[in-house]
């Protein structure tokens, strides 16, 4: 298919009248004819593109297998649940009237229990294998998308888009498979019955930002942390070549995000009408509201993207002097988790040490604050999970580390070491989304996500992707 498209593109460029031609012709003084051909500096890597197409076919086959497995798991679960329910009823009857059952009947029940246990062990092993395969497929797709992005920047966009669309379809299929896997095997979304973060996955790179511009390294992206009905699949993106926040674009789903087809762009500045611009890149979207750092006056702001209205409130004692390690103007950092909306900042009184505030979403006021012991300019970024603050710092150019936690329930702080890999050294945005338990990072202009594993007593990681 690619070879055919390439032939068509070259043939079309040769026959269009008036177009620039790579050929020059004429005659020399001796009467001899000459013809000069001007060849491009680089040759389009058609072999590489064909290879990527073959890889797409292989990935599609793997995905189809995994999707059929998920359907099988769902059916098996229904069967197992029915068996367990029947056994539970039978055991309750035996407990109420033990004299009515002989030793043989008791032995039969024990055998049935062991059979169910064996089935569950078998299913669990299958799920772990399937989860590992899904991780492998996602990493494979991420690598290919990065290659396609580079090809699209360097060579003919139309030609590369043919293959890019095939991979976008695969990404969608993978998202659907993971979502269904998650719905079946991870009932813990929104529940905080764990002991905090255990580890972070490797970075999952979606692609370069919607502007296809590596210079747009100050920005953020993600999903609504508390979506309105019908907006559960919506994504958003905002970025610039500096820390000024001027606009945010919304996308109806992941496919539209990757294809750069936004359904609404909200401008924060219209000359002679209004100036709602912000600074810094630690904003979030919650219930279709953008929470961000207002530029003037220095305050926290809330833009209702449904009504296109903005409100701002000054946080008492919050200072614009203290930003994060990686970027300037990140003085107010907004976060959302299972328990609500938060903001971190520093004050002159605290001598730059980080302060955590809980925001009342109805009154849009900071209703409670906690003082931490960490110096904000030494911190890479922070995020909240289940009422616990997590702070990161740089270890080296390829490694970041969660090094500090503060539990708002117990007011206990801890120094920990949970390293995770960075795609590139610089990042301007990191936040947790409680709707899918993922970390969203804007890493030097790229969309990056991480899966999060939690500590559970007596069990291994309980996320929908396991390694």
Protein backbone atom coordinates (compact mmCIF):
# COMPACT_ATOMS: atom_id res chain seq x y z
CA UNK A 1 0.00 0.00 0.00
CA UNK A 2 2.79 2.45 0.95
CA UNK A 3 4.66 1.78 -2.29
CA UNK A 4 1.49 2.57 -4.28
CA UNK A 5 0.94 5.83 -2.35
CA UNK A 6 4.57 6.84 -2.87
CA UNK A 7 4.30 6.21 -6.64
CA UNK A 8 1.13 8.29 -6.77
CA UNK A 9 2.73 11.19 -4.88
CA UNK A 10 5.81 11.19 -7.14
CA UNK A 11 3.72 10.84 -10.32
CA UNK A 12 1.41 13.65 -9.24
CA UNK A 13 4.32 16.00 -8.55
CA UNK A 14 5.70 15.26 -12.02
CA UNK A 15 2.56 16.09 -14.00
CA UNK A 16 1.16 19.16 -12.22
CA UNK A 17 1.66 22.10 -14.53
CA UNK A 18 3.35 25.16 -13.15
CA UNK A 19 4.75 23.29 -10.16
CA UNK A 20 8.43 23.46 -9.30
CA UNK A 21 10.29 20.69 -11.08
CA UNK A 22 13.46 18.97 -9.93
CA UNK A 23 14.53 18.80 -13.61
CA UNK A 24 16.31 21.38 -15.82
CA UNK A 25 16.97 20.95 -19.51
CA UNK A 26 18.60 22.89 -22.40
CA UNK A 27 21.36 22.72 -24.98
CA UNK A 28 25.05 23.49 -24.80
CA UNK A 29 26.90 25.74 -27.27
CA UNK A 30 28.17 22.63 -29.07
CA UNK A 31 24.58 21.71 -29.92
CA UNK A 32 24.50 18.82 -27.45
CA UNK A 33 21.43 18.52 -25.24
CA UNK A 34 21.84 18.28 -21.49
CA UNK A 35 19.51 17.41 -18.60
CA UNK A 36 20.19 18.12 -14.95
CA UNK A 37 18.32 16.39 -12.10
CA UNK A 38 18.25 17.96 -8.66
CA UNK A 39 17.81 15.18 -6.12
CA UNK A 40 16.65 15.82 -2.56
CA UNK A 41 19.22 15.73 0.25
CA UNK A 42 17.55 12.76 1.87
CA UNK A 43 15.68 9.77 0.51
CA UNK A 44 12.30 8.88 1.95
CA UNK A 45 12.76 5.71 4.06
CA UNK A 46 10.05 3.69 2.34
CA UNK A 47 11.49 0.42 3.66
CA UNK A 48 11.13 1.62 7.23
CA UNK A 49 7.51 2.64 6.64
CA UNK A 50 6.66 -0.74 5.09
CA UNK A 51 8.28 -2.44 8.07
CA UNK A 52 6.10 -0.37 10.41
CA UNK A 53 3.03 -1.49 8.48
CA UNK A 54 4.00 -5.13 8.97
CA UNK A 55 4.46 -4.44 12.66
CA UNK A 56 0.96 -2.94 12.74
CA UNK A 57 -0.47 -6.17 11.38
CA UNK A 58 1.38 -8.18 14.03
CA UNK A 59 0.20 -5.89 16.84
CA UNK A 60 -3.37 -6.06 15.57
CA UNK A 61 -3.23 -9.87 15.69
CA UNK A 62 -1.93 -9.77 19.29
CA UNK A 63 -4.64 -7.31 20.29
CA UNK A 64 -7.39 -9.44 18.79
CA UNK A 65 -6.12 -12.38 20.84
CA UNK A 66 -6.07 -10.30 24.04
CA UNK A 67 -9.57 -8.94 23.40
CA UNK A 68 -10.90 -12.50 22.96
CA UNK A 69 -9.12 -13.49 26.19
CA UNK A 70 -10.78 -10.64 28.10
CA UNK A 71 -14.18 -11.85 26.85
CA UNK A 72 -13.28 -15.37 27.99
CA UNK A 73 -12.17 -14.07 31.40
CA UNK A 74 -15.46 -12.24 31.79
CA UNK A 75 -17.42 -15.43 31.02
CA UNK A 76 -15.27 -17.49 33.39
CA UNK A 77 -15.78 -14.95 36.16
CA UNK A 78 -19.53 -15.26 35.83
CA UNK A 79 -19.26 -19.04 36.07
CA UNK A 80 -16.91 -18.88 39.07
CA UNK A 81 -19.15 -16.38 40.87
CA UNK A 82 -22.12 -18.70 40.37
CA UNK A 83 -20.11 -21.65 41.77
CA UNK A 84 -18.97 -19.64 44.80
CA UNK A 85 -22.53 -18.40 45.44
CA UNK A 86 -23.88 -21.98 45.37
CA UNK A 87 -21.12 -23.17 47.68
CA UNK A 88 -21.79 -20.30 50.09
CA UNK A 89 -25.47 -21.21 50.29
CA UNK A 90 -24.63 -24.90 50.81
CA UNK A 91 -22.10 -24.14 53.58
CA UNK A 92 -24.59 -21.86 55.36
CA UNK A 93 -27.16 -24.68 55.29
CA UNK A 94 -24.60 -27.10 56.71
CA UNK A 95 -23.72 -24.67 59.49
CA UNK A 96 -27.36 -24.29 60.50
CA UNK A 97 -28.03 -28.03 60.45
CA UNK A 98 -24.73 -29.95 60.64
CA UNK A 99 -26.38 -33.18 61.82
CA UNK A 100 -28.20 -33.59 58.51
CA UNK A 101 -24.94 -34.08 56.58
CA UNK A 102 -22.69 -37.12 56.71
CA UNK A 103 -18.93 -37.34 56.30
CA UNK A 104 -19.17 -38.15 52.58
CA UNK A 105 -21.20 -35.02 51.88
CA UNK A 106 -18.69 -32.90 53.82
CA UNK A 107 -15.87 -34.38 51.78
CA UNK A 108 -17.71 -33.53 48.56
CA UNK A 109 -18.01 -29.90 49.64
CA UNK A 110 -14.27 -29.77 50.44
CA UNK A 111 -13.50 -31.10 46.96
CA UNK A 112 -15.73 -28.46 45.36
CA UNK A 113 -13.97 -25.73 47.35
CA UNK A 114 -10.55 -26.99 46.19
CA UNK A 115 -11.78 -27.10 42.60
CA UNK A 116 -12.92 -23.47 42.79
CA UNK A 117 -9.59 -22.49 44.37
CA UNK A 118 -7.74 -24.20 41.52
CA UNK A 119 -9.88 -22.39 38.94
CA UNK A 120 -9.19 -19.03 40.59
CA UNK A 121 -5.42 -19.69 40.66
CA UNK A 122 -5.55 -20.62 36.97
CA UNK A 123 -7.52 -17.49 36.10
CA UNK A 124 -5.17 -15.27 38.10
CA UNK A 125 -2.14 -16.68 36.27
CA UNK A 126 -3.86 -16.07 32.92
CA UNK A 127 -4.68 -12.48 33.90
CA UNK A 128 -1.06 -11.78 34.87
CA UNK A 129 0.20 -13.12 31.54
CA UNK A 130 -2.42 -11.08 29.67
CA UNK A 131 -1.48 -7.93 31.62
CA UNK A 132 2.19 -8.37 30.73
CA UNK A 133 1.27 -8.74 27.06
CA UNK A 134 -0.79 -5.53 27.18
CA UNK A 135 2.17 -3.65 28.66
CA UNK A 136 4.42 -5.02 25.90
CA UNK A 137 1.93 -3.98 23.19
CA UNK A 138 1.57 -0.46 24.61
CA UNK A 139 5.36 0.00 24.76
CA UNK A 140 5.68 -1.30 21.19
CA UNK A 141 3.03 1.15 19.95
CA UNK A 142 4.64 4.04 21.86
CA UNK A 143 7.99 3.40 20.17
CA UNK A 144 6.40 3.26 16.71
CA UNK A 145 4.38 6.46 17.28
CA UNK A 146 7.60 8.26 18.25
CA UNK A 147 9.25 7.04 15.02
CA UNK A 148 6.23 8.12 12.95
CA UNK A 149 6.25 11.56 14.57
CA UNK A 150 9.90 12.03 13.59
CA UNK A 151 9.19 10.83 10.05
CA UNK A 152 6.22 13.19 9.80
CA UNK A 153 8.39 16.14 10.84
CA UNK A 154 11.24 15.20 8.48
CA UNK A 155 9.47 13.87 5.39
CA UNK A 156 6.14 13.93 3.55
CA UNK A 157 3.35 14.33 6.15
CA UNK A 158 0.61 12.95 3.91
CA UNK A 159 2.51 9.75 3.28
CA UNK A 160 3.37 9.18 6.94
CA UNK A 161 -0.20 9.93 8.03
CA UNK A 162 -1.39 6.82 6.18
CA UNK A 163 0.61 4.63 8.56
CA UNK A 164 0.04 6.91 11.57
CA UNK A 165 -3.74 6.40 11.27
CA UNK A 166 -3.26 2.63 11.36
CA UNK A 167 -1.40 2.96 14.64
CA UNK A 168 -3.97 5.36 16.05
CA UNK A 169 -6.60 2.67 15.44
CA UNK A 170 -4.38 0.17 17.25
CA UNK A 171 -3.95 2.58 20.16
CA UNK A 172 -7.71 2.96 20.40
CA UNK A 173 -8.17 -0.80 20.36
CA UNK A 174 -5.55 -1.15 23.09
CA UNK A 175 -7.28 1.55 25.19
CA UNK A 176 -10.59 -0.30 24.86
CA UNK A 177 -8.98 -3.61 25.80
CA UNK A 178 -7.24 -2.08 28.83
CA UNK A 179 -10.43 -0.31 29.89
CA UNK A 180 -12.42 -3.53 29.77
CA UNK A 181 -9.61 -5.37 31.56
CA UNK A 182 -9.69 -2.64 34.19
CA UNK A 183 -13.47 -2.76 34.62
CA UNK A 184 -13.40 -6.52 35.18
CA UNK A 185 -10.30 -6.97 37.34
CA UNK A 186 -9.82 -3.62 39.09
CA UNK A 187 -12.75 -2.66 41.29
CA UNK A 188 -10.50 -0.36 43.35
CA UNK A 189 -10.72 2.81 41.26
CA UNK A 190 -11.71 5.58 43.66
CA UNK A 191 -11.04 3.44 46.74
CA UNK A 192 -8.20 4.23 49.13
CA UNK A 193 -7.81 0.91 51.00
CA UNK A 194 -4.09 0.72 50.29
CA UNK A 195 -0.84 1.73 51.95
CA UNK A 196 0.27 4.27 49.37
CA UNK A 197 2.31 4.08 46.19
CA UNK A 198 4.53 1.05 45.82
CA UNK A 199 6.13 1.77 42.45
CA UNK A 200 5.70 3.55 39.13
CA UNK A 201 5.75 1.97 35.67
CA UNK A 202 8.07 2.88 32.83
CA UNK A 203 7.02 5.98 30.86
CA UNK A 204 4.39 5.40 28.17
CA UNK A 205 4.95 7.93 25.40
CA UNK A 206 1.90 8.81 23.31
CA UNK A 207 3.44 11.36 20.95
CA UNK A 208 4.74 14.91 20.53
CA UNK A 209 2.26 17.66 21.41
CA UNK A 210 -0.59 18.84 19.15
CA UNK A 211 1.59 21.59 17.69
CA UNK A 212 4.22 19.00 16.68
CA UNK A 213 6.68 21.47 18.15
CA UNK A 214 9.38 20.38 20.58
CA UNK A 215 9.79 24.04 21.50
CA UNK A 216 6.39 23.93 23.21
CA UNK A 217 7.85 22.33 26.33
CA UNK A 218 5.88 24.33 28.89
CA UNK A 219 2.46 22.78 29.14
CA UNK A 220 0.24 20.00 30.38
CA UNK A 221 -2.33 17.44 29.27
CA UNK A 222 -4.66 14.86 30.72
CA UNK A 223 -8.27 13.97 31.46
CA UNK A 224 -10.93 15.60 33.60
CA UNK A 225 -10.36 14.44 37.20
CA UNK A 226 -14.11 14.47 37.90
CA UNK A 227 -15.79 14.39 34.48
CA UNK A 228 -19.31 15.51 33.85
CA UNK A 229 -21.67 12.80 32.49
CA UNK A 230 -20.81 12.14 28.86
CA UNK A 231 -17.30 13.62 29.18
CA UNK A 232 -15.54 10.59 30.64
CA UNK A 233 -13.35 10.11 27.54
CA UNK A 234 -12.46 13.78 27.08
CA UNK A 235 -8.82 14.94 27.02
CA UNK A 236 -7.33 18.42 27.22
CA UNK A 237 -4.03 20.03 26.25
CA UNK A 238 -2.30 23.37 26.74
CA UNK A 239 1.26 24.35 25.90
CA UNK A 240 3.54 27.19 24.83
CA UNK A 241 7.17 28.05 24.28
CA UNK A 242 7.12 29.95 27.60
CA UNK A 243 5.27 29.71 30.92
CA UNK A 244 2.41 32.01 29.87
CA UNK A 245 -0.95 30.18 29.82
CA UNK A 246 -3.06 31.61 26.98
CA UNK A 247 -5.37 28.84 25.82
CA UNK A 248 -6.57 25.29 26.42
CA UNK A 249 -7.93 22.84 23.85
CA UNK A 250 -10.36 20.01 24.54
CA UNK A 251 -10.61 16.72 22.62
CA UNK A 252 -13.61 14.40 22.67
CA UNK A 253 -11.47 11.27 23.07
CA UNK A 254 -7.94 9.87 22.82
CA UNK A 255 -8.13 9.38 19.05
CA UNK A 256 -9.01 13.05 18.52
CA UNK A 257 -6.16 14.08 20.82
CA UNK A 258 -3.59 12.10 18.87
CA UNK A 259 -5.00 13.28 15.53
CA UNK A 260 -4.92 16.88 16.85
CA UNK A 261 -8.65 17.39 16.21
CA UNK A 262 -9.86 19.50 19.12
CA UNK A 263 -13.57 20.25 19.46
CA UNK A 264 -13.09 23.46 21.47
CA UNK A 265 -10.23 25.87 22.15
CA UNK A 266 -10.74 28.31 25.01
CA UNK A 267 -8.79 31.56 24.62
CA UNK A 268 -7.74 33.22 27.87
CA UNK A 269 -6.94 36.49 26.13
CA UNK A 270 -8.93 38.50 23.59
CA UNK A 271 -7.59 41.99 22.87
CA UNK A 272 -9.82 44.83 24.11
CA UNK A 273 -12.23 42.34 25.69
CA UNK A 274 -10.59 40.38 28.48
CA UNK A 275 -7.27 39.08 29.79
CA UNK A 276 -7.63 35.89 31.82
CA UNK A 277 -4.15 34.59 31.14
CA UNK A 278 -2.18 32.64 33.70
CA UNK A 279 1.42 31.61 34.35
CA UNK A 280 3.05 28.33 35.25
CA UNK A 281 1.95 24.90 34.08
CA UNK A 282 0.42 23.23 37.10
CA UNK A 283 -3.23 23.41 36.16
CA UNK A 284 -5.89 20.71 36.18
CA UNK A 285 -9.38 20.20 34.80
CA UNK A 286 -12.17 19.17 37.16
CA UNK A 287 -15.90 19.10 36.35
CA UNK A 288 -15.07 21.01 33.16
CA UNK A 289 -13.38 23.78 35.18
CA UNK A 290 -9.78 24.76 34.53
CA UNK A 291 -7.94 25.55 37.78
CA UNK A 292 -4.79 27.54 37.18
CA UNK A 293 -2.46 30.29 38.46
CA UNK A 294 -3.81 33.71 37.52
CA UNK A 295 -1.23 36.15 36.17
CA UNK A 296 -2.46 39.49 37.53
CA UNK A 297 -3.25 39.67 40.34
CA UNK A 298 -1.29 36.66 41.63
CA UNK A 299 -4.13 34.34 42.62
CA UNK A 300 -5.75 30.99 42.01
CA UNK A 301 -8.24 31.03 39.14
CA UNK A 302 -11.16 28.90 38.03
CA UNK A 303 -12.36 29.01 34.43
CA UNK A 304 -15.74 27.42 33.81
CA UNK A 305 -15.31 26.05 30.30
CA UNK A 306 -19.05 25.48 29.94
CA UNK A 307 -20.07 29.10 30.59
CA UNK A 308 -16.72 30.70 29.57
CA UNK A 309 -16.47 32.65 32.83
CA UNK A 310 -13.51 33.15 35.17
CA UNK A 311 -13.26 33.74 38.92
CA UNK A 312 -10.12 34.22 40.98
CA UNK A 313 -9.24 34.27 44.68
CA UNK A 314 -6.06 35.46 46.33
CA UNK A 315 -4.54 32.87 48.68
CA UNK A 316 -3.50 34.55 51.95
CA UNK A 317 0.30 34.69 52.38
CA UNK A 318 1.00 32.68 49.19
CA UNK A 319 4.21 33.93 47.59
CA UNK A 320 5.24 34.23 43.93
CA UNK A 321 8.91 33.92 44.91
CA UNK A 322 9.13 30.14 45.14
CA UNK A 323 8.77 27.87 42.11
CA UNK A 324 9.63 24.25 41.42
CA UNK A 325 13.08 23.09 40.38
CA UNK A 326 12.37 22.57 36.66
CA UNK A 327 10.45 25.69 35.70
CA UNK A 328 9.77 29.28 36.69
CA UNK A 329 6.34 30.66 37.71
CA UNK A 330 5.10 27.36 39.13
CA UNK A 331 4.10 29.03 42.36
CA UNK A 332 0.62 27.53 42.69
CA UNK A 333 0.29 23.84 41.88
CA UNK A 334 -3.23 22.38 41.61
CA UNK A 335 -3.96 18.70 42.20
CA UNK A 336 -6.99 16.45 42.50
CA UNK A 337 -7.42 13.02 44.02
CA UNK A 338 -10.10 10.73 45.42
CA UNK A 339 -10.82 13.18 48.26
CA UNK A 340 -11.06 16.46 46.37
CA UNK A 341 -9.16 19.51 45.12
CA UNK A 342 -5.80 20.74 46.44
CA UNK A 343 -3.22 23.48 45.92
CA UNK A 344 0.42 23.69 46.99
CA UNK A 345 2.49 26.84 47.36
CA UNK A 346 5.09 28.44 49.65
CA UNK A 347 5.13 31.55 51.82
CA UNK A 348 7.73 34.04 52.99
CA UNK A 349 6.88 33.08 56.56
CA UNK A 350 7.60 29.43 55.82
CA UNK A 351 10.93 30.48 54.23
CA UNK A 352 10.08 28.71 51.02
CA UNK A 353 8.91 25.48 52.60
CA UNK A 354 5.97 23.90 50.82
CA UNK A 355 2.43 24.51 52.12
CA UNK A 356 -0.49 22.26 51.20
CA UNK A 357 -4.03 23.62 51.07
CA UNK A 358 -7.41 21.90 50.66
CA UNK A 359 -9.81 23.83 48.40
CA UNK A 360 -13.54 23.94 49.07
CA UNK A 361 -14.90 23.50 45.56
CA UNK A 362 -18.23 25.18 46.33
CA UNK A 363 -16.89 28.38 47.91
CA UNK A 364 -13.61 28.27 45.97
CA UNK A 365 -11.65 29.01 49.15
CA UNK A 366 -8.67 27.32 50.80
CA UNK A 367 -10.34 25.86 53.88
CA UNK A 368 -7.46 24.00 55.56
CA UNK A 369 -3.66 24.15 55.32
CA UNK A 370 -0.74 21.93 56.34
CA UNK A 371 2.90 23.02 56.66
CA UNK A 372 5.56 20.61 55.35
CA UNK A 373 9.31 20.57 55.95
CA UNK A 374 10.52 20.42 52.32
CA UNK A 375 11.98 23.43 50.51
CA UNK A 376 9.83 23.98 47.43
CA UNK A 377 12.59 25.09 44.98
CA UNK A 378 14.33 21.72 45.54
CA UNK A 379 11.18 19.82 44.48
CA UNK A 380 10.57 18.68 40.90
CA UNK A 381 6.78 18.49 41.27
CA UNK A 382 4.03 17.23 43.57
CA UNK A 383 0.73 15.40 43.27
CA UNK A 384 -1.96 14.03 45.58
CA UNK A 385 -3.28 10.47 45.98
CA UNK A 386 -5.93 9.59 48.59
CA UNK A 387 -5.14 12.60 50.77
CA UNK A 388 -1.37 11.99 50.68
CA UNK A 389 1.06 14.48 49.15
CA UNK A 390 3.88 12.99 47.03
CA UNK A 391 6.92 15.11 46.14
CA UNK A 392 9.51 14.30 43.46
CA UNK A 393 13.06 15.34 42.75
CA UNK A 394 15.68 14.67 40.08
CA UNK A 395 18.14 11.82 40.55
CA UNK A 396 19.83 12.14 37.16
CA UNK A 397 18.90 13.03 33.57
CA UNK A 398 16.89 9.82 33.12
CA UNK A 399 15.55 9.21 36.63
CA UNK A 400 13.08 11.00 38.87
CA UNK A 401 12.29 9.94 42.44
CA UNK A 402 9.35 10.26 44.80
CA UNK A 403 11.32 11.18 47.89
CA UNK A 404 8.75 12.61 50.31
CA UNK A 405 5.16 12.02 51.43
CA UNK A 406 2.81 13.89 53.75
CA UNK A 407 -0.39 12.25 54.99
CA UNK A 408 -3.06 14.87 55.71
CA UNK A 409 -5.08 12.44 57.81
CA UNK A 410 -2.30 11.61 60.27
CA UNK A 411 -0.15 14.72 59.66
CA UNK A 412 2.81 12.38 59.32
CA UNK A 413 5.61 13.05 56.85
CA UNK A 414 8.00 10.42 55.51
CA UNK A 415 11.11 10.31 53.38
CA UNK A 416 10.94 7.50 50.84
CA UNK A 417 12.64 6.42 47.63
CA UNK A 418 10.42 5.42 44.70
CA UNK A 419 12.44 6.00 41.53
CA UNK A 420 10.88 6.10 38.08
CA UNK A 421 12.19 6.61 34.58
CA UNK A 422 11.88 9.86 32.63
CA UNK A 423 11.51 9.90 28.85
CA UNK A 424 13.55 13.11 28.70
CA UNK A 425 15.21 15.14 31.44
CA UNK A 426 12.99 18.25 31.52
CA UNK A 427 9.32 18.16 32.41
CA UNK A 428 6.91 20.95 33.27
CA UNK A 429 3.84 19.03 34.40
CA UNK A 430 3.04 16.00 36.57
CA UNK A 431 -0.35 15.13 38.05
CA UNK A 432 -2.36 12.13 39.19
CA UNK A 433 -5.84 11.37 37.86
CA UNK A 434 -8.10 9.42 40.25
CA UNK A 435 -10.44 8.27 37.44
CA UNK A 436 -7.82 5.90 35.99
CA UNK A 437 -5.06 5.95 38.65
CA UNK A 438 -2.45 7.20 36.19
CA UNK A 439 0.20 9.90 36.33
CA UNK A 440 0.15 12.37 33.43
CA UNK A 441 3.43 14.09 32.55
CA UNK A 442 4.25 16.74 29.95
CA UNK A 443 7.85 15.77 29.28
CA UNK A 444 9.77 18.22 27.09
CA UNK A 445 6.76 18.61 24.78
CA UNK A 446 5.66 14.95 24.78
CA UNK A 447 2.52 13.33 26.18
CA UNK A 448 3.66 10.75 28.76
CA UNK A 449 1.71 8.58 31.22
CA UNK A 450 2.62 6.17 34.03
CA UNK A 451 0.72 3.36 35.70
CA UNK A 452 0.78 3.44 39.50
CA UNK A 453 1.02 0.39 41.76
CA UNK A 454 -0.13 0.53 45.39
CA UNK A 455 0.75 -1.36 48.55
CA UNK A 456 -1.95 -3.79 49.64
CA UNK A 457 -1.66 -5.91 52.76
CA UNK A 458 -1.02 -9.54 51.92
CA UNK A 459 -1.25 -9.04 48.18
CA UNK A 460 0.72 -7.89 45.18
CA UNK A 461 0.02 -4.87 42.99
CA UNK A 462 -3.67 -4.39 42.33
CA UNK A 463 -3.79 -2.35 39.19
CA UNK A 464 -5.27 -3.34 35.86
CA UNK A 465 -1.79 -3.73 34.39
CA UNK A 466 0.60 -5.95 36.28
CA UNK A 467 4.15 -6.87 35.48
